[in-house]
Amino acid sequence: MKEDLTTLRKTVFETLQKITDSKQLDDYWLSVFGKNGLFTKISKNIKTVPQENRAEMGILLNKTKKEIDAGFESKKKTIIQSQHTDWFDVTIPGTRPTLGHLHPQTYALRTLVDIFTYLGYQVADGPEIESDWYNFGSLNFPDNHPARDTQQSLHIETPNASKTDKTILRTQTSAMQVRVMEKMPPPFRVIVPGKTYRYDAVDASHGFEFWQLEGFAVDKNITLTDLFGTIDYVLKQLMGPETKLRFACTNFPFVEPGVDTYMECTVCHGKGCAFCKQSGWSEIMPAGMIHPNVLKAAKIDSLKWQGFAFCIGLSRAVTLRYGMDDLRLLTTLDTRILNQF
């Protein structure tokens, strides 16, 4: 048996030198170690070895098997390398897959929700497909009012519907103001984050689909200074205590007076760029005191209750918070951008 093992070992290594491809190697391995292989037949003869020599023969049998196995493994690597392919060790642990993470807009939204809930605001949600009444009529936009044109509505076919029953993709989360007021008696403070749609030209600071965060508060003796204090606190909590803000008079049908909030552009730091239209400032939070007609539409006594409303362009707030120079980066499919957050 000892001579058989020695002869087999020599024959195997001589044959391995002549093998040139993987199929030949696999076939030859079966002829050696298969069920009826040469080594298998020899190993079965160990039971014929005298008892006193069986331990020594077992050691030799295992040693020969390891040497032949090593020869096969070495030949396998040589063949793979000759084929110009990388050899792969299947015993090496796999590469851990990359885990997903939150979108920067989600970070900003959660931060804002935390800020407002700290101030006592409730969070509400509403439909993205909205009626003309809640989106415009209840907010003091009469039919054919020129302010409707500035919002470039996307209409949905509603045959035989009246003007107030027409259905559109909501152009503003302000559409939730009267919906909430109808169901909740004052006083209240509410924010409504959500997606809005406008038929608008897409550029560095505009999109046809974008996020807003509407907020409004109704109580007794609310004044414009309460609104300014809220805006100042929220934006500095979101953007940082050194944030520079300024206010300007503006006109919205659903507020009187109306104000527009601008913050210094974080992309150019006030020098002027494409994102801020070379002004150095970016509109971030239009607001104002709720118009009495809006309160009346919700059947709230405007002589007893007052309120303010504001809207944060959430998509724009994200770009300003992280110093992005293009709103379209938020919807890119390039994960290298999102991996920075």
C-alpha atoms as a PDB file:
ATOM      1  CA  MET A   1       0.000   0.000   0.000  1.00  0.00           C
ATOM      2  CA  LYS A   2       2.892   2.322   0.739  1.00  0.00           C
ATOM      3  CA  GLU A   3       4.307   1.719  -2.735  1.00  0.00           C
ATOM      4  CA  ASP A   4       0.865   2.322  -4.276  1.00  0.00           C
ATOM      5  CA  LEU A   5       0.598   5.711  -2.565  1.00  0.00           C
ATOM      6  CA  THR A   6       4.073   6.727  -3.665  1.00  0.00           C
ATOM      7  CA  THR A   7       3.347   5.700  -7.265  1.00  0.00           C
ATOM      8  CA  LEU A   8      -0.018   7.513  -7.220  1.00  0.00           C
ATOM      9  CA  ARG A   9       1.539  10.697  -5.890  1.00  0.00           C
ATOM     10  CA  LYS A  10       4.189  10.663  -8.613  1.00  0.00           C
ATOM     11  CA  THR A  11       1.644   9.896 -11.357  1.00  0.00           C
ATOM     12  CA  VAL A  12      -0.708  12.673 -10.226  1.00  0.00           C
ATOM     13  CA  PHE A  13       1.963  15.395 -10.229  1.00  0.00           C
ATOM     14  CA  GLU A  14       3.245  14.252 -13.639  1.00  0.00           C
ATOM     15  CA  THR A  15      -0.287  14.334 -15.072  1.00  0.00           C
ATOM     16  CA  LEU A  16      -0.998  17.768 -13.547  1.00  0.00           C
ATOM     17  CA  GLN A  17       1.913  19.191 -15.514  1.00  0.00           C
ATOM     18  CA  LYS A  18       0.178  18.197 -18.751  1.00  0.00           C
ATOM     19  CA  ILE A  19      -3.301  19.555 -17.947  1.00  0.00           C
ATOM     20  CA  THR A  20      -4.115  22.902 -19.613  1.00  0.00           C
ATOM     21  CA  ASP A  21      -7.754  23.736 -18.828  1.00  0.00           C
ATOM     22  CA  SER A  22     -10.233  23.618 -15.964  1.00  0.00           C
ATOM     23  CA  LYS A  23     -12.415  20.880 -17.440  1.00  0.00           C
ATOM     24  CA  GLN A  24      -9.483  18.502 -17.763  1.00  0.00           C
ATOM     25  CA  LEU A  25      -8.505  19.341 -14.184  1.00  0.00           C
ATOM     26  CA  ASP A  26     -12.021  18.625 -12.854  1.00  0.00           C
ATOM     27  CA  ASP A  27     -12.246  15.330 -14.755  1.00  0.00           C
ATOM     28  CA  TYR A  28      -8.861  14.229 -13.487  1.00  0.00           C
ATOM     29  CA  TRP A  29      -9.759  15.177  -9.902  1.00  0.00           C
ATOM     30  CA  LEU A  30     -12.780  12.834 -10.137  1.00  0.00           C
ATOM     31  CA  SER A  31     -10.567  10.035 -11.465  1.00  0.00           C
ATOM     32  CA  VAL A  32      -8.379  10.422  -8.374  1.00  0.00           C
ATOM     33  CA  PHE A  33     -10.807  11.277  -5.557  1.00  0.00           C
ATOM     34  CA  GLY A  34     -14.182  10.221  -7.010  1.00  0.00           C
ATOM     35  CA  LYS A  35     -16.197   7.251  -5.782  1.00  0.00           C
ATOM     36  CA  ASN A  36     -14.173   4.907  -7.939  1.00  0.00           C
ATOM     37  CA  GLY A  37     -11.035   7.058  -8.037  1.00  0.00           C
ATOM     38  CA  LEU A  38      -7.483   5.777  -7.722  1.00  0.00           C
ATOM     39  CA  PHE A  39      -6.904   7.285  -4.270  1.00  0.00           C
ATOM     40  CA  THR A  40     -10.304   6.069  -3.040  1.00  0.00           C
ATOM     41  CA  LYS A  41      -9.503   2.501  -4.031  1.00  0.00           C
ATOM     42  CA  ILE A  42      -6.133   2.615  -2.299  1.00  0.00           C
ATOM     43  CA  SER A  43      -7.610   4.090   0.893  1.00  0.00           C
ATOM     44  CA  LYS A  44     -10.110   1.236   1.091  1.00  0.00           C
ATOM     45  CA  ASN A  45      -7.220  -1.240   1.333  1.00  0.00           C
ATOM     46  CA  ILE A  46      -6.178   0.084   4.747  1.00  0.00           C
ATOM     47  CA  LYS A  47      -8.377  -2.574   6.352  1.00  0.00           C
ATOM     48  CA  THR A  48      -6.001  -5.227   4.942  1.00  0.00           C
ATOM     49  CA  VAL A  49      -2.987  -3.676   6.661  1.00  0.00           C
ATOM     50  CA  PRO A  50      -1.865  -5.476   9.842  1.00  0.00           C
ATOM     51  CA  GLN A  51      -3.137  -3.867  13.016  1.00  0.00           C
ATOM     52  CA  GLU A  52       0.309  -2.846  14.240  1.00  0.00           C
ATOM     53  CA  ASN A  53       1.048  -0.934  10.974  1.00  0.00           C
ATOM     54  CA  ARG A  54      -2.404   0.577  10.459  1.00  0.00           C
ATOM     55  CA  ALA A  55      -1.718   3.815  12.389  1.00  0.00           C
ATOM     56  CA  GLU A  56       1.445   4.541  10.431  1.00  0.00           C
ATOM     57  CA  MET A  57      -0.322   3.819   7.165  1.00  0.00           C
ATOM     58  CA  GLY A  58      -3.205   6.128   8.095  1.00  0.00           C
ATOM     59  CA  ILE A  59      -0.787   8.991   8.694  1.00  0.00           C
ATOM     60  CA  LEU A  60       0.841   8.374   5.299  1.00  0.00           C
ATOM     61  CA  LEU A  61      -2.575   8.185   3.649  1.00  0.00           C
ATOM     62  CA  ASN A  62      -3.616  11.600   5.039  1.00  0.00           C
ATOM     63  CA  LYS A  63      -0.271  13.171   4.182  1.00  0.00           C
ATOM     64  CA  THR A  64      -0.458  11.945   0.585  1.00  0.00           C
ATOM     65  CA  LYS A  65      -4.026  13.235   0.231  1.00  0.00           C
ATOM     66  CA  LYS A  66      -3.031  16.714   1.466  1.00  0.00           C
ATOM     67  CA  GLU A  67      -0.057  16.858  -0.933  1.00  0.00           C
ATOM     68  CA  ILE A  68      -2.194  15.804  -3.909  1.00  0.00           C
ATOM     69  CA  ASP A  69      -4.938  18.276  -2.924  1.00  0.00           C
ATOM     70  CA  ALA A  70      -2.351  21.038  -2.763  1.00  0.00           C
ATOM     71  CA  GLY A  71      -1.154  20.074  -6.223  1.00  0.00           C
ATOM     72  CA  PHE A  72      -4.670  20.324  -7.637  1.00  0.00           C
ATOM     73  CA  GLU A  73      -5.248  23.731  -5.959  1.00  0.00           C
ATOM     74  CA  SER A  74      -1.956  25.084  -7.263  1.00  0.00           C
ATOM     75  CA  LYS A  75      -2.787  23.903 -10.785  1.00  0.00           C
ATOM     76  CA  LYS A  76      -6.223  25.513 -10.564  1.00  0.00           C
ATOM     77  CA  LYS A  77      -4.702  28.909  -9.698  1.00  0.00           C
ATOM     78  CA  THR A  78      -2.197  28.579 -12.530  1.00  0.00           C
ATOM     79  CA  ILE A  79      -4.928  27.844 -15.077  1.00  0.00           C
ATOM     80  CA  ILE A  80      -7.047  30.807 -13.888  1.00  0.00           C
ATOM     81  CA  GLN A  81      -4.101  33.179 -14.040  1.00  0.00           C
ATOM     82  CA  SER A  82      -3.251  31.977 -17.530  1.00  0.00           C
ATOM     83  CA  GLN A  83      -6.775  32.885 -18.620  1.00  0.00           C
ATOM     84  CA  HIS A  84      -6.178  36.494 -17.411  1.00  0.00           C
ATOM     85  CA  THR A  85      -8.968  36.403 -14.855  1.00  0.00           C
ATOM     86  CA  ASP A  86      -8.726  37.130 -11.161  1.00  0.00           C
ATOM     87  CA  TRP A  87      -8.851  34.143  -8.916  1.00  0.00           C
ATOM     88  CA  PHE A  88     -11.621  34.368  -6.380  1.00  0.00           C
ATOM     89  CA  ASP A  89     -11.468  32.763  -2.973  1.00  0.00           C
ATOM     90  CA  VAL A  90     -15.032  31.831  -2.085  1.00  0.00           C
ATOM     91  CA  THR A  91     -14.100  31.526   1.585  1.00  0.00           C
ATOM     92  CA  ILE A  92     -13.361  35.258   1.912  1.00  0.00           C
ATOM     93  CA  PRO A  93     -16.228  37.130   3.669  1.00  0.00           C
ATOM     94  CA  GLY A  94     -18.370  39.165   1.264  1.00  0.00           C
ATOM     95  CA  THR A  95     -18.337  42.960   0.972  1.00  0.00           C
ATOM     96  CA  ARG A  96     -20.920  44.546   3.222  1.00  0.00           C
ATOM     97  CA  PRO A  97     -23.559  46.289   1.068  1.00  0.00           C
ATOM     98  CA  THR A  98     -23.920  50.058   1.303  1.00  0.00           C
ATOM     99  CA  LEU A  99     -26.784  51.047   3.578  1.00  0.00           C
ATOM    100  CA  GLY A 100     -29.262  53.732   2.584  1.00  0.00           C
ATOM    101  CA  HIS A 101     -29.789  56.925   4.564  1.00  0.00           C
ATOM    102  CA  LEU A 102     -32.222  59.794   4.808  1.00  0.00           C
ATOM    103  CA  HIS A 103     -32.554  62.369   2.044  1.00  0.00           C
ATOM    104  CA  PRO A 104     -31.359  65.900   3.012  1.00  0.00           C
ATOM    105  CA  GLN A 105     -34.913  67.145   2.543  1.00  0.00           C
ATOM    106  CA  THR A 106     -36.092  64.617   5.122  1.00  0.00           C
ATOM    107  CA  TYR A 107     -33.461  65.904   7.559  1.00  0.00           C
ATOM    108  CA  ALA A 108     -34.672  69.491   7.069  1.00  0.00           C
ATOM    109  CA  LEU A 109     -38.346  68.522   7.351  1.00  0.00           C
ATOM    110  CA  ARG A 110     -37.802  66.614  10.587  1.00  0.00           C
ATOM    111  CA  THR A 111     -35.816  69.526  11.996  1.00  0.00           C
ATOM    112  CA  LEU A 112     -38.624  71.949  11.178  1.00  0.00           C
ATOM    113  CA  VAL A 113     -41.277  69.655  12.648  1.00  0.00           C
ATOM    114  CA  ASP A 114     -39.238  69.438  15.868  1.00  0.00           C
ATOM    115  CA  ILE A 115     -38.894  73.243  15.991  1.00  0.00           C
ATOM    116  CA  PHE A 116     -42.600  73.864  15.490  1.00  0.00           C
ATOM    117  CA  THR A 117     -43.800  71.145  17.847  1.00  0.00           C
ATOM    118  CA  TYR A 118     -41.559  72.746  20.479  1.00  0.00           C
ATOM    119  CA  LEU A 119     -43.495  75.973  19.834  1.00  0.00           C
ATOM    120  CA  GLY A 120     -46.800  74.164  20.306  1.00  0.00           C
ATOM    121  CA  TYR A 121     -47.791  73.549  16.687  1.00  0.00           C
ATOM    122  CA  GLN A 122     -49.703  70.480  15.524  1.00  0.00           C
ATOM    123  CA  VAL A 123     -48.850  68.696  12.257  1.00  0.00           C
ATOM    124  CA  ALA A 124     -51.613  68.192   9.676  1.00  0.00           C
ATOM    125  CA  ASP A 125     -51.710  66.503   6.295  1.00  0.00           C
ATOM    126  CA  GLY A 126     -54.033  66.910   3.329  1.00  0.00           C
ATOM    127  CA  PRO A 127     -54.768  65.868  -0.273  1.00  0.00           C
ATOM    128  CA  GLU A 128     -52.467  66.769  -3.145  1.00  0.00           C
ATOM    129  CA  ILE A 129     -55.454  66.669  -5.526  1.00  0.00           C
ATOM    130  CA  GLU A 130     -57.481  69.628  -4.360  1.00  0.00           C
ATOM    131  CA  SER A 131     -60.668  71.501  -5.243  1.00  0.00           C
ATOM    132  CA  ASP A 132     -60.570  75.006  -6.665  1.00  0.00           C
ATOM    133  CA  TRP A 133     -62.473  76.204  -3.606  1.00  0.00           C
ATOM    134  CA  TYR A 134     -59.908  75.192  -0.994  1.00  0.00           C
ATOM    135  CA  ASN A 135     -56.893  76.052  -3.150  1.00  0.00           C
ATOM    136  CA  PHE A 136     -58.176  79.464  -4.297  1.00  0.00           C
ATOM    137  CA  GLY A 137     -61.744  80.437  -3.461  1.00  0.00           C
ATOM    138  CA  SER A 138     -61.557  80.019   0.307  1.00  0.00           C
ATOM    139  CA  LEU A 139     -58.241  81.899   0.324  1.00  0.00           C
ATOM    140  CA  ASN A 140     -59.743  85.086  -1.095  1.00  0.00           C
ATOM    141  CA  PHE A 141     -58.859  84.397  -4.740  1.00  0.00           C
ATOM    142  CA  PRO A 142     -62.037  85.452  -6.606  1.00  0.00           C
ATOM    143  CA  ASP A 143     -62.712  83.970 -10.045  1.00  0.00           C
ATOM    144  CA  ASN A 144     -60.527  85.554 -12.729  1.00  0.00           C
ATOM    145  CA  HIS A 145     -58.323  87.176 -10.065  1.00  0.00           C
ATOM    146  CA  PRO A 146     -54.925  87.939 -11.674  1.00  0.00           C
ATOM    147  CA  ALA A 147     -53.082  86.365  -8.722  1.00  0.00           C
ATOM    148  CA  ARG A 148     -54.328  82.960  -9.902  1.00  0.00           C
ATOM    149  CA  ASP A 149     -52.190  83.290 -13.019  1.00  0.00           C
ATOM    150  CA  THR A 150     -48.977  83.541 -10.999  1.00  0.00           C
ATOM    151  CA  GLN A 151     -49.462  80.017  -9.662  1.00  0.00           C
ATOM    152  CA  GLN A 152     -49.763  78.262 -13.050  1.00  0.00           C
ATOM    153  CA  SER A 153     -52.200  75.566 -11.955  1.00  0.00           C
ATOM    154  CA  LEU A 154     -52.204  72.015 -13.323  1.00  0.00           C
ATOM    155  CA  HIS A 155     -55.868  71.136 -13.891  1.00  0.00           C
ATOM    156  CA  ILE A 156     -57.439  67.682 -13.777  1.00  0.00           C
ATOM    157  CA  GLU A 157     -60.372  66.917 -16.051  1.00  0.00           C
ATOM    158  CA  THR A 158     -63.661  67.206 -14.154  1.00  0.00           C
ATOM    159  CA  PRO A 159     -66.463  67.184 -16.747  1.00  0.00           C
ATOM    160  CA  ASN A 160     -69.656  69.072 -15.884  1.00  0.00           C
ATOM    161  CA  ALA A 161     -68.104  70.477 -12.696  1.00  0.00           C
ATOM    162  CA  SER A 162     -68.772  74.011 -11.544  1.00  0.00           C
ATOM    163  CA  LYS A 163     -65.908  76.449 -11.075  1.00  0.00           C
ATOM    164  CA  THR A 164     -65.715  75.786  -7.341  1.00  0.00           C
ATOM    165  CA  ASP A 165     -65.759  72.026  -7.895  1.00  0.00           C
ATOM    166  CA  LYS A 166     -62.948  72.001 -10.415  1.00  0.00           C
ATOM    167  CA  THR A 167     -60.072  69.739  -9.437  1.00  0.00           C
ATOM    168  CA  ILE A 168     -56.410  70.716  -9.630  1.00  0.00           C
ATOM    169  CA  LEU A 169     -53.056  69.594  -8.283  1.00  0.00           C
ATOM    170  CA  ARG A 170     -52.666  71.909  -5.323  1.00  0.00           C
ATOM    171  CA  THR A 171     -50.384  74.847  -5.979  1.00  0.00           C
ATOM    172  CA  GLN A 172     -49.832  75.619  -2.303  1.00  0.00           C
ATOM    173  CA  THR A 173     -50.154  73.897   1.062  1.00  0.00           C
ATOM    174  CA  SER A 174     -52.171  76.971   2.077  1.00  0.00           C
ATOM    175  CA  ALA A 175     -55.093  74.999   0.669  1.00  0.00           C
ATOM    176  CA  MET A 176     -55.218  73.258   4.050  1.00  0.00           C
ATOM    177  CA  GLN A 177     -55.932  76.464   6.009  1.00  0.00           C
ATOM    178  CA  VAL A 178     -59.709  76.465   5.707  1.00  0.00           C
ATOM    179  CA  ARG A 179     -59.884  72.662   5.788  1.00  0.00           C
ATOM    180  CA  VAL A 180     -58.274  72.717   9.231  1.00  0.00           C
ATOM    181  CA  MET A 181     -60.214  75.742  10.462  1.00  0.00           C
ATOM    182  CA  GLU A 182     -63.515  74.056   9.572  1.00  0.00           C
ATOM    183  CA  LYS A 183     -62.751  71.118  11.842  1.00  0.00           C
ATOM    184  CA  MET A 184     -60.803  72.741  14.680  1.00  0.00           C
ATOM    185  CA  PRO A 185     -62.170  75.578  16.836  1.00  0.00           C
ATOM    186  CA  PRO A 186     -59.646  78.316  17.697  1.00  0.00           C
ATOM    187  CA  PRO A 187     -57.195  78.865  19.247  1.00  0.00           C
ATOM    188  CA  PHE A 188     -54.807  76.608  17.326  1.00  0.00           C
ATOM    189  CA  ARG A 189     -51.356  76.468  15.780  1.00  0.00           C
ATOM    190  CA  VAL A 190     -50.849  74.137  12.815  1.00  0.00           C
ATOM    191  CA  ILE A 191     -48.161  73.297  10.258  1.00  0.00           C
ATOM    192  CA  VAL A 192     -48.825  71.419   7.025  1.00  0.00           C
ATOM    193  CA  PRO A 193     -45.791  69.996   5.195  1.00  0.00           C
ATOM    194  CA  GLY A 194     -46.449  68.578   1.754  1.00  0.00           C
ATOM    195  CA  LYS A 195     -45.828  68.436  -1.968  1.00  0.00           C
ATOM    196  CA  THR A 196     -47.192  71.066  -4.355  1.00  0.00           C
ATOM    197  CA  TYR A 197     -47.322  71.444  -8.140  1.00  0.00           C
ATOM    198  CA  ARG A 198     -47.158  74.344 -10.581  1.00  0.00           C
ATOM    199  CA  TYR A 199     -46.711  74.576 -14.311  1.00  0.00           C
ATOM    200  CA  ASP A 200     -43.456  76.436 -13.839  1.00  0.00           C
ATOM    201  CA  ALA A 201     -40.188  76.627 -15.761  1.00  0.00           C
ATOM    202  CA  VAL A 202     -37.503  74.514 -14.097  1.00  0.00           C
ATOM    203  CA  ASP A 203     -34.287  76.324 -13.204  1.00  0.00           C
ATOM    204  CA  ALA A 204     -31.737  76.492 -10.384  1.00  0.00           C
ATOM    205  CA  SER A 205     -34.277  77.792  -7.876  1.00  0.00           C
ATOM    206  CA  HIS A 206     -37.672  76.658  -9.275  1.00  0.00           C
ATOM    207  CA  GLY A 207     -39.389  73.388 -10.097  1.00  0.00           C
ATOM    208  CA  PHE A 208     -42.815  72.155 -11.203  1.00  0.00           C
ATOM    209  CA  GLU A 209     -42.979  69.759  -8.228  1.00  0.00           C
ATOM    210  CA  PHE A 210     -41.706  71.006  -4.889  1.00  0.00           C
ATOM    211  CA  TRP A 211     -42.292  70.857  -1.143  1.00  0.00           C
ATOM    212  CA  GLN A 212     -43.734  73.541   1.099  1.00  0.00           C
ATOM    213  CA  LEU A 213     -44.395  73.813   4.809  1.00  0.00           C
ATOM    214  CA  GLU A 214     -47.485  75.885   5.527  1.00  0.00           C
ATOM    215  CA  GLY A 215     -48.039  77.229   9.030  1.00  0.00           C
ATOM    216  CA  PHE A 216     -50.764  79.289  10.643  1.00  0.00           C
ATOM    217  CA  ALA A 217     -51.889  80.322  14.098  1.00  0.00           C
ATOM    218  CA  VAL A 218     -55.256  81.729  15.165  1.00  0.00           C
ATOM    219  CA  ASP A 219     -55.831  83.221  18.605  1.00  0.00           C
ATOM    220  CA  LYS A 220     -56.951  86.419  20.306  1.00  0.00           C
ATOM    221  CA  ASN A 221     -54.696  89.474  20.160  1.00  0.00           C
ATOM    222  CA  ILE A 222     -52.166  88.014  17.686  1.00  0.00           C
ATOM    223  CA  THR A 223     -50.120  90.762  16.034  1.00  0.00           C
ATOM    224  CA  LEU A 224     -47.572  91.175  13.255  1.00  0.00           C
ATOM    225  CA  THR A 225     -44.745  91.240  15.797  1.00  0.00           C
ATOM    226  CA  ASP A 226     -45.728  87.703  16.857  1.00  0.00           C
ATOM    227  CA  LEU A 227     -45.261  86.642  13.243  1.00  0.00           C
ATOM    228  CA  PHE A 228     -41.865  88.344  12.933  1.00  0.00           C
ATOM    229  CA  GLY A 229     -40.685  86.742  16.164  1.00  0.00           C
ATOM    230  CA  THR A 230     -41.787  83.296  14.969  1.00  0.00           C
ATOM    231  CA  ILE A 231     -40.066  83.663  11.589  1.00  0.00           C
ATOM    232  CA  ASP A 232     -36.845  84.927  13.160  1.00  0.00           C
ATOM    233  CA  TYR A 233     -36.740  82.087  15.710  1.00  0.00           C
ATOM    234  CA  VAL A 234     -37.573  79.300  13.247  1.00  0.00           C
ATOM    235  CA  LEU A 235     -35.149  80.313  10.507  1.00  0.00           C
ATOM    236  CA  LYS A 236     -32.262  80.850  12.894  1.00  0.00           C
ATOM    237  CA  GLN A 237     -32.923  77.469  14.474  1.00  0.00           C
ATOM    238  CA  LEU A 238     -32.936  75.876  11.013  1.00  0.00           C
ATOM    239  CA  MET A 239     -30.144  77.831   9.316  1.00  0.00           C
ATOM    240  CA  GLY A 240     -27.970  78.937  12.232  1.00  0.00           C
ATOM    241  CA  PRO A 241     -27.905  81.870  14.665  1.00  0.00           C
ATOM    242  CA  GLU A 242     -25.838  84.049  12.304  1.00  0.00           C
ATOM    243  CA  THR A 243     -28.480  83.921   9.563  1.00  0.00           C
ATOM    244  CA  LYS A 244     -29.191  87.353   8.085  1.00  0.00           C
ATOM    245  CA  LEU A 245     -32.866  88.103   7.386  1.00  0.00           C
ATOM    246  CA  ARG A 246     -34.807  90.996   5.972  1.00  0.00           C
ATOM    247  CA  PHE A 247     -38.496  91.633   5.372  1.00  0.00           C
ATOM    248  CA  ALA A 248     -40.312  93.377   2.560  1.00  0.00           C
ATOM    249  CA  CYS A 249     -43.924  94.318   1.942  1.00  0.00           C
ATOM    250  CA  THR A 250     -45.759  92.129  -0.550  1.00  0.00           C
ATOM    251  CA  ASN A 251     -49.282  91.234  -1.562  1.00  0.00           C
ATOM    252  CA  PHE A 252     -51.053  87.912  -1.248  1.00  0.00           C
ATOM    253  CA  PRO A 253     -54.872  87.688  -1.424  1.00  0.00           C
ATOM    254  CA  PHE A 254     -55.110  85.578   1.726  1.00  0.00           C
ATOM    255  CA  VAL A 255     -53.059  87.836   4.043  1.00  0.00           C
ATOM    256  CA  GLU A 256     -53.242  91.530   4.958  1.00  0.00           C
ATOM    257  CA  PRO A 257     -50.683  92.917   5.464  1.00  0.00           C
ATOM    258  CA  GLY A 258     -48.371  90.588   3.584  1.00  0.00           C
ATOM    259  CA  VAL A 259     -44.621  90.277   4.101  1.00  0.00           C
ATOM    260  CA  ASP A 260     -41.888  88.458   2.265  1.00  0.00           C
ATOM    261  CA  THR A 261     -38.903  87.045   4.163  1.00  0.00           C
ATOM    262  CA  TYR A 262     -35.501  86.967   2.512  1.00  0.00           C
ATOM    263  CA  MET A 263     -32.310  85.439   3.831  1.00  0.00           C
ATOM    264  CA  GLU A 264     -28.790  86.067   2.657  1.00  0.00           C
ATOM    265  CA  CYS A 265     -27.915  83.555  -0.037  1.00  0.00           C
ATOM    266  CA  THR A 266     -25.760  80.794   1.432  1.00  0.00           C
ATOM    267  CA  VAL A 267     -24.379  79.882  -1.989  1.00  0.00           C
ATOM    268  CA  CYS A 268     -22.698  83.225  -2.737  1.00  0.00           C
ATOM    269  CA  HIS A 269     -22.914  84.770   0.767  1.00  0.00           C
ATOM    270  CA  GLY A 270     -24.611  87.895  -0.534  1.00  0.00           C
ATOM    271  CA  LYS A 271     -22.368  88.496  -3.548  1.00  0.00           C
ATOM    272  CA  GLY A 272     -24.912  87.436  -6.178  1.00  0.00           C
ATOM    273  CA  CYS A 273     -25.237  84.188  -8.139  1.00  0.00           C
ATOM    274  CA  ALA A 274     -27.602  82.286 -10.452  1.00  0.00           C
ATOM    275  CA  PHE A 275     -29.483  80.782  -7.506  1.00  0.00           C
ATOM    276  CA  CYS A 276     -30.424  84.172  -5.976  1.00  0.00           C
ATOM    277  CA  LYS A 277     -30.791  85.872  -9.371  1.00  0.00           C
ATOM    278  CA  GLN A 278     -27.673  87.988  -8.647  1.00  0.00           C
ATOM    279  CA  SER A 279     -29.467  89.757  -5.772  1.00  0.00           C
ATOM    280  CA  GLY A 280     -27.517  88.207  -2.890  1.00  0.00           C
ATOM    281  CA  TRP A 281     -30.821  87.374  -1.171  1.00  0.00           C
ATOM    282  CA  SER A 282     -33.232  84.479  -1.575  1.00  0.00           C
ATOM    283  CA  GLU A 283     -36.949  84.412  -0.805  1.00  0.00           C
ATOM    284  CA  ILE A 284     -37.531  81.830   1.905  1.00  0.00           C
ATOM    285  CA  MET A 285     -40.718  82.473   3.878  1.00  0.00           C
ATOM    286  CA  PRO A 286     -43.639  84.579   2.566  1.00  0.00           C
ATOM    287  CA  ALA A 287     -46.146  85.360   5.318  1.00  0.00           C
ATOM    288  CA  GLY A 288     -48.702  87.810   6.668  1.00  0.00           C
ATOM    289  CA  MET A 289     -51.742  88.296   8.858  1.00  0.00           C
ATOM    290  CA  ILE A 290     -54.636  86.058   7.823  1.00  0.00           C
ATOM    291  CA  HIS A 291     -57.175  88.021   5.786  1.00  0.00           C
ATOM    292  CA  PRO A 292     -60.594  88.368   7.481  1.00  0.00           C
ATOM    293  CA  ASN A 293     -62.235  86.857   4.380  1.00  0.00           C
ATOM    294  CA  VAL A 294     -60.300  83.615   4.940  1.00  0.00           C
ATOM    295  CA  LEU A 295     -61.533  83.426   8.538  1.00  0.00           C
ATOM    296  CA  LYS A 296     -65.078  84.100   7.345  1.00  0.00           C
ATOM    297  CA  ALA A 297     -64.794  81.286   4.770  1.00  0.00           C
ATOM    298  CA  ALA A 298     -64.051  78.968   7.696  1.00  0.00           C
ATOM    299  CA  LYS A 299     -66.949  80.486   9.716  1.00  0.00           C
ATOM    300  CA  ILE A 300     -64.612  82.049  12.291  1.00  0.00           C
ATOM    301  CA  ASP A 301     -65.494  85.461  13.707  1.00  0.00           C
ATOM    302  CA  SER A 302     -62.770  87.761  12.384  1.00  0.00           C
ATOM    303  CA  LEU A 303     -63.664  90.443  14.947  1.00  0.00           C
ATOM    304  CA  LYS A 304     -62.905  88.072  17.810  1.00  0.00           C
ATOM    305  CA  TRP A 305     -60.041  86.032  16.383  1.00  0.00           C
ATOM    306  CA  GLN A 306     -56.907  87.010  14.477  1.00  0.00           C
ATOM    307  CA  GLY A 307     -54.083  84.969  13.057  1.00  0.00           C
ATOM    308  CA  PHE A 308     -50.951  84.866  10.964  1.00  0.00           C
ATOM    309  CA  ALA A 309     -49.839  82.476   8.247  1.00  0.00           C
ATOM    310  CA  PHE A 310     -46.504  81.679   6.645  1.00  0.00           C
ATOM    311  CA  CYS A 311     -45.095  79.252   4.119  1.00  0.00           C
ATOM    312  CA  ILE A 312     -41.572  77.897   3.910  1.00  0.00           C
ATOM    313  CA  GLY A 313     -40.398  76.723   0.499  1.00  0.00           C
ATOM    314  CA  LEU A 314     -38.996  73.506   1.919  1.00  0.00           C
ATOM    315  CA  SER A 315     -37.094  72.482  -1.213  1.00  0.00           C
ATOM    316  CA  ARG A 316     -35.434  75.884  -1.365  1.00  0.00           C
ATOM    317  CA  ALA A 317     -34.769  75.859   2.378  1.00  0.00           C
ATOM    318  CA  VAL A 318     -32.838  72.595   1.973  1.00  0.00           C
ATOM    319  CA  THR A 319     -30.606  74.012  -0.754  1.00  0.00           C
ATOM    320  CA  LEU A 320     -29.931  77.148   1.297  1.00  0.00           C
ATOM    321  CA  ARG A 321     -29.275  75.149   4.451  1.00  0.00           C
ATOM    322  CA  TYR A 322     -26.616  73.015   2.749  1.00  0.00           C
ATOM    323  CA  GLY A 323     -25.274  75.641   0.330  1.00  0.00           C
ATOM    324  CA  MET A 324     -26.437  73.875  -2.848  1.00  0.00           C
ATOM    325  CA  ASP A 325     -26.405  76.001  -5.975  1.00  0.00           C
ATOM    326  CA  ASP A 326     -29.181  74.159  -7.810  1.00  0.00           C
ATOM    327  CA  LEU A 327     -32.589  72.946  -6.629  1.00  0.00           C
ATOM    328  CA  ARG A 328     -32.421  70.094  -9.141  1.00  0.00           C
ATOM    329  CA  LEU A 329     -29.697  68.392  -7.120  1.00  0.00           C
ATOM    330  CA  LEU A 330     -32.416  67.229  -4.709  1.00  0.00           C
ATOM    331  CA  THR A 331     -33.985  64.998  -7.372  1.00  0.00           C
ATOM    332  CA  THR A 332     -30.843  63.750  -9.085  1.00  0.00           C
ATOM    333  CA  LEU A 333     -30.249  60.009  -9.356  1.00  0.00           C
ATOM    334  CA  ASP A 334     -26.510  60.442  -8.694  1.00  0.00           C
ATOM    335  CA  THR A 335     -26.022  58.891  -5.248  1.00  0.00           C
ATOM    336  CA  ARG A 336     -22.645  60.626  -4.875  1.00  0.00           C
ATOM    337  CA  ILE A 337     -24.565  63.818  -4.094  1.00  0.00           C
ATOM    338  CA  LEU A 338     -26.837  62.267  -1.472  1.00  0.00           C
ATOM    339  CA  ASN A 339     -23.922  60.376   0.110  1.00  0.00           C
ATOM    340  CA  GLN A 340     -22.562  63.712   1.327  1.00  0.00           C
ATOM    341  CA  PHE A 341     -25.387  64.024   3.860  1.00  0.00           C
END
